[in-house]
């Protein structure tokens, strides 16, 4: 279905990573949701009013709210596709993430509203009237919701959209909600026991739980979450493949929406290689990343002095000391400056997440240990926090 609709309405429909194509798919998913949810909501609300079922009526209102979230999806992808401007130099793609948070909040509100109406129905029970027409309407809406859930799930994975994935989860919740209502009707028909309101409470709690879960998942990228490890490894491995690159450190990744990634990194090169040659290589790396991956890469070039027997000896000592303290500790920008009275050993230590020791405590331990090895060594340490590598 996705391929058919894409071919029908979207130019270059198979280029899912293209920002313009991606936004058009987002709008398409919203329009699809508006049409299907309105149809479902209308049928359920009419059936709920006629047959006096609070669960069918609440389910219909929930479907109506789903239509509202579909409208939000259309608007969000429209604004997310707007080009950068003076006030928003990194684009508008975080509008999509904001709409995901709004959508999740709507789901939570719907769950609370359904819980309230279900409790009221327990206090003041309503007569439940069984009808084959109502069952047929619910089964049809269930089929449509299953199709919706599959459509959103596949499309959300194709274009990597949390908003559409949230819609998929919402549709799945609606499927469970509708199945619960059908069970309530069948139980009433065969046993004359009215569990409509009690099952409504179960459904509302399920919706509330998922609403909270979705809020957590959508708010995380807005606050600033750690990037996918696969992306970090991909960037590191690609840079290290270039001839002339000795290593990298101080990697920082900023994401301003799907496909809108800005990366800064320090790349280590040999200090005895011509500066112009190294700079040309750095320029090529930056261009290749944008051309091949659409990543805006900015590189700081770090010239590294060639190791001597003395510097290698000291480097091995530092490596051993850090490993004994915490195997996740690492260092870079290592250099040795030999003077007439003492030797300055200069380097940066990368502090991993969750490392409890304070900088000054770590410095003191290293200074005491290195003093035991060589009294002439003076450590000049800079501590790096919040870097990926």
Foldseek 3Di string as FASTA:
>chain_A
DQVVVLVVPPDVCVPLQDLVNVLVSQLVLLVVLLVLLVVLLVLQCVVCVVQVFLLSNLLSVLSVVSNVLSVLSNVQSVQQSDAADPVRNLGRQCSLLVSLLVSLVSLLVSLVVLLVVLVVCVVPPDDGDADPSNLVSLVVSLVSLVVSLVVLCVSCVSNVGLSSPLSSVSSVLSNVSSVLQSVQNVCCVVPVDRCSSVSSNVSSVVSNVSSVVSNVVSVQVVVPDDDDVVVVVVLQVVVVVDPFFPHKWQWDWRDPHRLRIEIEIETEGAPPDDPVVVVVSVVVSQVCCCVPRVYRYDYHYHHDYDDDPVQVVVVVVVQVVVCVVPVPKDKDPWDWDDDPQAIETEIEIEDDPPDDDDPVVVVVSVVVVVCVVPVRYDYDYHYDYDGPD
